[in-house]
């Protein structure tokens, strides 16, 4: 007869294996009591594990969209703010133009404000967030607008156009001899062409006409930016440039009034166009907000389904931990007693 199954060594080994299993069970039960979730979801759910994985993947996608929408909303807010500032500046500047039109020193009065407004326009269109240019269209990594200063492509192009039409530069005293008709013709043809394609893209802007499109929900993709190539921005650049760099301070009164009248007309059109840009951005803001609200509702519903599948009763898990610890303590105690048994004690 074999003695394997009644030896103290065999019994001790069996108890040690049971203790190891109890320790593993205690770790799992402790995790469940702490997290309120199955330690091994796949084992517990069985055939439903696939459904659980699918729901969690959907939940992850929804959370990513919510996070992305937060970034989109931030970009739209900044873009909308810049457009609003440009409208306010243009409206205020219109009042200065009305006051300067019939002033003998009107050219000097509007020179500095028009230069400041042009710089402000370029700065607004070059605004960035998270390293992306908001008005670059899809070219978010490239500064969309060229600064207007000596040596810049935009400044050089305007200087060349003025010289080609009149035969002298904007700072030449001969500027005072330019007639109203000649100035009107220059503004309507050569000068205007500098703000149309291809001159605009070559000298002023590196932005793309195509704006950014973003997915804001599982079924919606919308335009979420504006381009520096929008007519509104071109018109403002045209108006501010003609008032700041066509020698207005030296023009005779009639030619100066032609420039002011043209600029006033263009700024008025630009304000209307800017309102349209703001409206498109506002629509995108509303769509993004609504989409985010729907995504959060979907996320809450899926979270409830996942929770219902994975959740364990923390109280029951705690009781299990206590029972398993008692069993482990008993097993360890028995193992210790058996290891102390020796046949020598009975000789």
Protein backbone atom coordinates (compact mmCIF):
# COMPACT_ATOMS: atom_id res chain seq x y z
CA UNK A 1 0.00 0.00 0.00
CA UNK A 2 1.35 3.44 -1.00
CA UNK A 3 1.92 6.00 1.72
CA UNK A 4 2.01 9.04 -0.58
CA UNK A 5 -1.48 10.25 0.22
CA UNK A 6 -1.16 10.01 3.98
CA UNK A 7 2.36 11.29 4.47
CA UNK A 8 2.93 14.59 6.29
CA UNK A 9 4.90 15.83 3.27
CA UNK A 10 1.98 15.24 0.90
CA UNK A 11 -0.50 16.92 3.23
CA UNK A 12 1.85 19.87 3.73
CA UNK A 13 2.29 20.31 -0.03
CA UNK A 14 -1.45 20.21 -0.58
CA UNK A 15 -1.98 22.88 2.05
CA UNK A 16 0.74 25.09 0.56
CA UNK A 17 -0.93 24.89 -2.87
CA UNK A 18 -4.26 25.78 -1.29
CA UNK A 19 -2.61 28.73 0.48
CA UNK A 20 -1.19 30.01 -2.82
CA UNK A 21 -4.61 29.79 -4.46
CA UNK A 22 -6.14 31.60 -1.50
CA UNK A 23 -3.58 34.40 -1.80
CA UNK A 24 -4.43 34.83 -5.50
CA UNK A 25 -8.15 34.85 -4.71
CA UNK A 26 -7.59 37.39 -1.92
CA UNK A 27 -5.70 39.71 -4.32
CA UNK A 28 -8.55 39.52 -6.84
CA UNK A 29 -11.24 40.01 -4.22
CA UNK A 30 -9.36 42.95 -2.70
CA UNK A 31 -9.09 44.56 -6.14
CA UNK A 32 -12.82 44.10 -6.70
CA UNK A 33 -13.67 45.50 -3.26
CA UNK A 34 -11.48 48.53 -3.94
CA UNK A 35 -12.46 49.24 -7.59
CA UNK A 36 -16.00 47.90 -7.58
CA UNK A 37 -15.22 46.10 -10.85
CA UNK A 38 -14.50 42.48 -11.76
CA UNK A 39 -10.80 41.73 -11.45
CA UNK A 40 -11.03 39.52 -14.55
CA UNK A 41 -13.87 40.89 -16.66
CA UNK A 42 -13.40 38.41 -19.49
CA UNK A 43 -13.65 35.38 -17.21
CA UNK A 44 -16.68 36.70 -15.35
CA UNK A 45 -18.67 37.88 -18.40
CA UNK A 46 -17.88 34.96 -20.66
CA UNK A 47 -19.80 35.33 -23.93
CA UNK A 48 -20.73 38.92 -23.04
CA UNK A 49 -17.07 39.97 -22.94
CA UNK A 50 -17.17 40.89 -26.64
CA UNK A 51 -20.08 43.24 -26.05
CA UNK A 52 -18.19 44.82 -23.17
CA UNK A 53 -15.11 45.40 -25.34
CA UNK A 54 -17.26 46.98 -28.06
CA UNK A 55 -18.94 49.33 -25.60
CA UNK A 56 -15.61 50.38 -24.12
CA UNK A 57 -14.24 51.10 -27.62
CA UNK A 58 -17.29 53.26 -28.36
CA UNK A 59 -16.84 55.05 -25.05
CA UNK A 60 -13.18 55.76 -25.86
CA UNK A 61 -14.12 57.20 -29.26
CA UNK A 62 -16.77 59.43 -27.69
CA UNK A 63 -14.35 60.69 -25.05
CA UNK A 64 -11.78 61.50 -27.75
CA UNK A 65 -14.38 63.48 -29.69
CA UNK A 66 -15.35 65.42 -26.56
CA UNK A 67 -11.69 66.28 -25.94
CA UNK A 68 -11.21 67.27 -29.59
CA UNK A 69 -14.33 69.45 -29.49
CA UNK A 70 -12.91 71.30 -26.49
CA UNK A 71 -9.85 72.22 -28.58
CA UNK A 72 -12.04 73.18 -31.54
CA UNK A 73 -14.22 75.35 -29.31
CA UNK A 74 -11.13 77.12 -28.01
CA UNK A 75 -9.87 77.85 -31.53
CA UNK A 76 -13.29 79.09 -32.61
CA UNK A 77 -13.58 81.35 -29.57
CA UNK A 78 -10.23 83.01 -30.32
CA UNK A 79 -11.06 83.38 -34.02
CA UNK A 80 -14.43 84.89 -33.20
CA UNK A 81 -12.80 87.29 -30.75
CA UNK A 82 -10.30 88.48 -33.37
CA UNK A 83 -13.03 89.03 -35.93
CA UNK A 84 -15.03 91.03 -33.40
CA UNK A 85 -12.00 93.18 -32.62
CA UNK A 86 -11.42 93.86 -36.33
CA UNK A 87 -15.05 94.96 -36.72
CA UNK A 88 -14.81 97.32 -33.74
CA UNK A 89 -11.56 98.80 -35.01
CA UNK A 90 -12.95 99.32 -38.52
CA UNK A 91 -16.12 100.95 -37.23
CA UNK A 92 -14.15 103.31 -35.02
CA UNK A 93 -11.78 104.15 -37.87
CA UNK A 94 -14.69 105.06 -40.12
CA UNK A 95 -15.51 107.91 -37.76
CA UNK A 96 -11.93 109.19 -38.04
CA UNK A 97 -12.23 109.13 -41.82
CA UNK A 98 -15.40 111.20 -41.81
CA UNK A 99 -13.68 113.78 -39.62
CA UNK A 100 -10.48 113.83 -41.68
CA UNK A 101 -12.08 113.99 -45.14
CA UNK A 102 -12.56 117.74 -45.24
CA UNK A 103 -9.61 118.61 -43.00
CA UNK A 104 -6.67 120.44 -44.54
CA UNK A 105 -4.35 118.21 -42.51
CA UNK A 106 -6.44 115.07 -42.93
CA UNK A 107 -3.66 112.99 -44.51
CA UNK A 108 -1.43 113.42 -41.47
CA UNK A 109 -4.34 112.84 -39.07
CA UNK A 110 -5.16 109.36 -40.44
CA UNK A 111 -1.62 108.28 -41.33
CA UNK A 112 -0.63 106.77 -37.99
CA UNK A 113 -4.03 105.20 -37.17
CA UNK A 114 -4.19 103.53 -40.60
CA UNK A 115 -0.67 102.13 -40.18
CA UNK A 116 -1.52 100.88 -36.70
CA UNK A 117 -4.73 99.28 -38.00
CA UNK A 118 -2.85 97.53 -40.81
CA UNK A 119 -0.34 96.12 -38.33
CA UNK A 120 -3.19 95.09 -36.04
CA UNK A 121 -4.96 93.33 -38.92
CA UNK A 122 -1.85 91.38 -39.86
CA UNK A 123 -1.24 90.51 -36.21
CA UNK A 124 -4.81 89.30 -35.76
CA UNK A 125 -4.59 87.07 -38.83
CA UNK A 126 -1.28 85.62 -37.60
CA UNK A 127 -2.71 84.59 -34.22
CA UNK A 128 -1.80 81.09 -33.02
CA UNK A 129 -3.00 78.59 -30.48
CA UNK A 130 -1.21 75.36 -29.60
CA UNK A 131 1.30 76.19 -32.33
CA UNK A 132 -1.33 76.40 -35.08
CA UNK A 133 -2.18 79.51 -37.11
CA UNK A 134 -5.94 79.96 -36.88
CA UNK A 135 -6.38 81.89 -40.13
CA UNK A 136 -4.01 79.82 -42.26
CA UNK A 137 -6.77 77.61 -43.67
CA UNK A 138 -5.36 74.09 -43.81
CA UNK A 139 -1.82 75.54 -43.77
CA UNK A 140 -1.88 75.73 -39.99
CA UNK A 141 1.88 75.42 -39.63
CA UNK A 142 2.77 78.47 -41.75
CA UNK A 143 2.29 82.13 -40.79
CA UNK A 144 -0.46 83.28 -43.13
CA UNK A 145 0.26 87.01 -43.47
CA UNK A 146 3.40 88.84 -44.54
CA UNK A 147 4.25 91.88 -42.45
CA UNK A 148 3.97 95.23 -44.24
CA UNK A 149 7.36 96.94 -43.82
CA UNK A 150 10.29 98.13 -45.87
CA UNK A 151 11.71 95.23 -47.85
CA UNK A 152 8.64 93.00 -47.49
CA UNK A 153 7.06 91.51 -50.60
CA UNK A 154 3.79 93.32 -49.96
CA UNK A 155 5.46 96.71 -49.50
CA UNK A 156 7.70 96.20 -52.55
CA UNK A 157 4.69 95.29 -54.70
CA UNK A 158 2.75 98.43 -53.68
CA UNK A 159 5.81 100.63 -54.26
CA UNK A 160 6.35 99.12 -57.73
CA UNK A 161 2.69 99.55 -58.66
CA UNK A 162 2.66 103.23 -57.58
CA UNK A 163 5.90 103.96 -59.43
CA UNK A 164 4.68 102.22 -62.59
CA UNK A 165 1.47 104.27 -62.70
CA UNK A 166 2.72 107.71 -61.67
CA UNK A 167 6.44 107.66 -62.45
CA UNK A 168 7.53 108.67 -58.93
CA UNK A 169 7.40 107.25 -55.40
CA UNK A 170 4.90 107.93 -52.64
CA UNK A 171 7.35 110.19 -50.81
CA UNK A 172 8.10 112.38 -53.84
CA UNK A 173 6.77 115.97 -53.62
CA UNK A 174 5.24 115.37 -57.07
CA UNK A 175 2.52 113.36 -55.30
CA UNK A 176 0.67 116.66 -54.85
CA UNK A 177 0.21 116.85 -58.63
CA UNK A 178 -1.82 113.64 -58.85
CA UNK A 179 -5.31 114.45 -60.07
CA UNK A 180 -8.46 113.04 -58.53
CA UNK A 181 -9.25 111.16 -61.77
CA UNK A 182 -5.75 109.63 -61.94
CA UNK A 183 -5.93 108.53 -58.32
CA UNK A 184 -9.41 107.06 -58.85
CA UNK A 185 -8.18 105.09 -61.86
CA UNK A 186 -5.15 103.80 -59.91
CA UNK A 187 -7.27 102.67 -56.98
CA UNK A 188 -9.80 100.90 -59.20
CA UNK A 189 -7.24 99.07 -61.36
CA UNK A 190 -3.55 98.69 -60.51
CA UNK A 191 -3.89 99.10 -56.75
CA UNK A 192 -6.97 96.86 -56.45
CA UNK A 193 -5.17 94.11 -58.37
CA UNK A 194 -2.61 93.89 -55.55
CA UNK A 195 -5.31 92.44 -53.29
CA UNK A 196 -6.73 90.00 -55.83
CA UNK A 197 -5.20 86.71 -56.92
CA UNK A 198 -2.51 86.00 -57.94
CA UNK A 199 -0.86 89.08 -56.38
CA UNK A 200 -2.47 88.49 -52.98
CA UNK A 201 -1.13 84.95 -52.72
CA UNK A 202 2.29 85.97 -54.06
CA UNK A 203 2.84 89.08 -51.93
CA UNK A 204 0.56 89.02 -48.90
CA UNK A 205 -0.77 85.63 -47.90
CA UNK A 206 0.41 82.02 -47.64
CA UNK A 207 -2.96 80.85 -46.32
CA UNK A 208 -5.02 78.30 -48.22
CA UNK A 209 -8.52 79.06 -49.41
CA UNK A 210 -9.62 75.70 -48.04
CA UNK A 211 -10.38 75.96 -44.34
CA UNK A 212 -10.00 73.30 -41.67
CA UNK A 213 -12.74 70.71 -41.37
CA UNK A 214 -13.17 68.80 -38.15
CA UNK A 215 -15.24 65.83 -37.05
CA UNK A 216 -17.35 66.98 -34.11
CA UNK A 217 -19.45 63.82 -33.71
CA UNK A 218 -19.69 60.34 -35.13
CA UNK A 219 -21.77 61.69 -38.02
CA UNK A 220 -20.86 65.40 -38.37
CA UNK A 221 -17.92 67.12 -40.04
CA UNK A 222 -17.93 70.93 -40.27
CA UNK A 223 -15.69 73.89 -41.21
CA UNK A 224 -13.97 75.06 -38.03
CA UNK A 225 -11.75 77.93 -39.15
CA UNK A 226 -11.53 80.96 -41.43
CA UNK A 227 -8.87 81.82 -43.99
CA UNK A 228 -6.84 85.02 -44.22
CA UNK A 229 -7.85 84.97 -47.90
CA UNK A 230 -11.45 85.90 -47.04
CA UNK A 231 -12.59 89.02 -48.99
CA UNK A 232 -13.22 90.83 -45.70
CA UNK A 233 -9.56 90.68 -44.72
CA UNK A 234 -8.34 91.64 -48.19
CA UNK A 235 -10.60 94.68 -48.19
CA UNK A 236 -9.38 95.86 -44.80
CA UNK A 237 -5.77 95.43 -45.90
CA UNK A 238 -6.54 97.42 -49.05
CA UNK A 239 -8.21 100.28 -47.19
CA UNK A 240 -5.56 100.59 -44.50
CA UNK A 241 -2.74 100.38 -47.06
CA UNK A 242 -4.17 103.07 -49.34
CA UNK A 243 -4.52 105.43 -46.40
CA UNK A 244 -1.09 104.71 -44.92
CA UNK A 245 1.19 104.27 -47.93
CA UNK A 246 -0.06 106.21 -50.96
CA UNK A 247 1.41 109.54 -49.87
CA UNK A 248 -1.91 110.79 -48.52
CA UNK A 249 -0.18 113.42 -46.41
CA UNK A 250 1.10 115.08 -49.61
CA UNK A 251 -1.92 114.65 -51.86
CA UNK A 252 -3.95 117.63 -52.95
CA UNK A 253 -7.36 117.91 -51.31
CA UNK A 254 -9.43 116.47 -54.17
CA UNK A 255 -7.16 113.46 -54.67
CA UNK A 256 -7.09 112.90 -50.90
CA UNK A 257 -10.89 112.93 -50.75
CA UNK A 258 -10.99 110.31 -53.51
CA UNK A 259 -8.76 108.06 -51.39
CA UNK A 260 -10.85 108.65 -48.25
CA UNK A 261 -14.14 108.03 -50.07
CA UNK A 262 -12.83 104.81 -51.60
CA UNK A 263 -11.44 103.63 -48.28
CA UNK A 264 -14.72 104.42 -46.52
CA UNK A 265 -16.63 102.39 -49.10
CA UNK A 266 -14.24 99.44 -48.85
CA UNK A 267 -14.25 99.45 -45.04
CA UNK A 268 -18.05 99.46 -45.04
CA UNK A 269 -18.06 96.41 -47.33
CA UNK A 270 -15.40 94.77 -45.17
CA UNK A 271 -17.46 95.23 -42.02
CA UNK A 272 -20.42 93.49 -43.67
CA UNK A 273 -18.16 90.68 -44.86
CA UNK A 274 -16.61 90.36 -41.40
CA UNK A 275 -20.08 89.95 -39.95
CA UNK A 276 -20.55 87.06 -42.37
CA UNK A 277 -17.27 85.48 -41.25
CA UNK A 278 -18.34 85.90 -37.63
CA UNK A 279 -21.70 84.31 -38.43
CA UNK A 280 -20.03 81.24 -39.94
CA UNK A 281 -17.75 80.91 -36.94
CA UNK A 282 -20.73 81.36 -34.64
CA UNK A 283 -22.62 78.60 -36.44
CA UNK A 284 -19.62 76.31 -36.04
CA UNK A 285 -19.45 77.20 -32.33
CA UNK A 286 -23.11 76.32 -31.84
CA UNK A 287 -22.78 73.05 -33.78
CA UNK A 288 -19.74 72.08 -31.74
CA UNK A 289 -21.47 72.86 -28.45
CA UNK A 290 -24.57 70.89 -29.42
CA UNK A 291 -22.51 67.97 -30.66
CA UNK A 292 -20.54 67.89 -27.41
CA UNK A 293 -23.76 67.83 -25.40
CA UNK A 294 -25.05 64.88 -27.43
CA UNK A 295 -21.72 63.07 -27.11
CA UNK A 296 -21.79 63.44 -23.34
CA UNK A 297 -25.31 62.02 -23.20
CA UNK A 298 -24.21 59.05 -25.33
CA UNK A 299 -21.14 58.61 -23.15
CA UNK A 300 -23.27 58.57 -19.99
CA UNK A 301 -25.60 55.93 -21.45
CA UNK A 302 -22.74 53.68 -22.52
CA UNK A 303 -20.99 54.17 -19.18
CA UNK A 304 -24.14 52.95 -17.42
CA UNK A 305 -24.24 49.85 -19.63
CA UNK A 306 -20.57 49.07 -19.01
CA UNK A 307 -20.96 49.67 -15.30
CA UNK A 308 -23.96 47.34 -15.13
CA UNK A 309 -21.91 44.58 -16.80
CA UNK A 310 -18.65 45.02 -14.90
CA UNK A 311 -19.66 46.22 -11.45
CA UNK A 312 -19.43 43.96 -8.40
CA UNK A 313 -20.90 44.53 -4.96
CA UNK A 314 -18.04 45.99 -2.86
CA UNK A 315 -19.67 44.72 0.34
CA UNK A 316 -19.87 41.16 -0.98
CA UNK A 317 -16.27 41.40 -2.20
CA UNK A 318 -15.17 42.60 1.26
CA UNK A 319 -16.89 39.64 2.92
CA UNK A 320 -15.15 37.36 0.44
CA UNK A 321 -11.80 38.92 1.32
CA UNK A 322 -12.44 38.30 5.05
CA UNK A 323 -13.47 34.68 4.49
CA UNK A 324 -10.50 33.99 2.25
CA UNK A 325 -8.11 35.52 4.77
CA UNK A 326 -9.59 33.30 7.52
CA UNK A 327 -9.15 30.24 5.31
CA UNK A 328 -5.58 31.27 4.52
CA UNK A 329 -4.74 31.78 8.17
CA UNK A 330 -6.16 28.34 8.98
CA UNK A 331 -4.26 26.74 6.13
CA UNK A 332 -1.01 28.33 7.20
CA UNK A 333 -1.56 27.24 10.78
CA UNK A 334 -2.24 23.63 9.73
CA UNK A 335 0.80 23.65 7.47
CA UNK A 336 2.95 24.81 10.35
CA UNK A 337 1.58 22.11 12.70
CA UNK A 338 2.06 19.33 10.12
CA UNK A 339 5.62 20.43 9.42
CA UNK A 340 6.34 20.01 13.11
CA UNK A 341 5.17 16.35 13.07
CA UNK A 342 7.94 13.75 13.28
CA UNK A 343 7.91 9.98 13.80
CA UNK A 344 10.72 10.49 16.25
CA UNK A 345 8.18 11.97 18.65
CA UNK A 346 6.55 8.52 18.89
CA UNK A 347 9.61 6.29 19.28
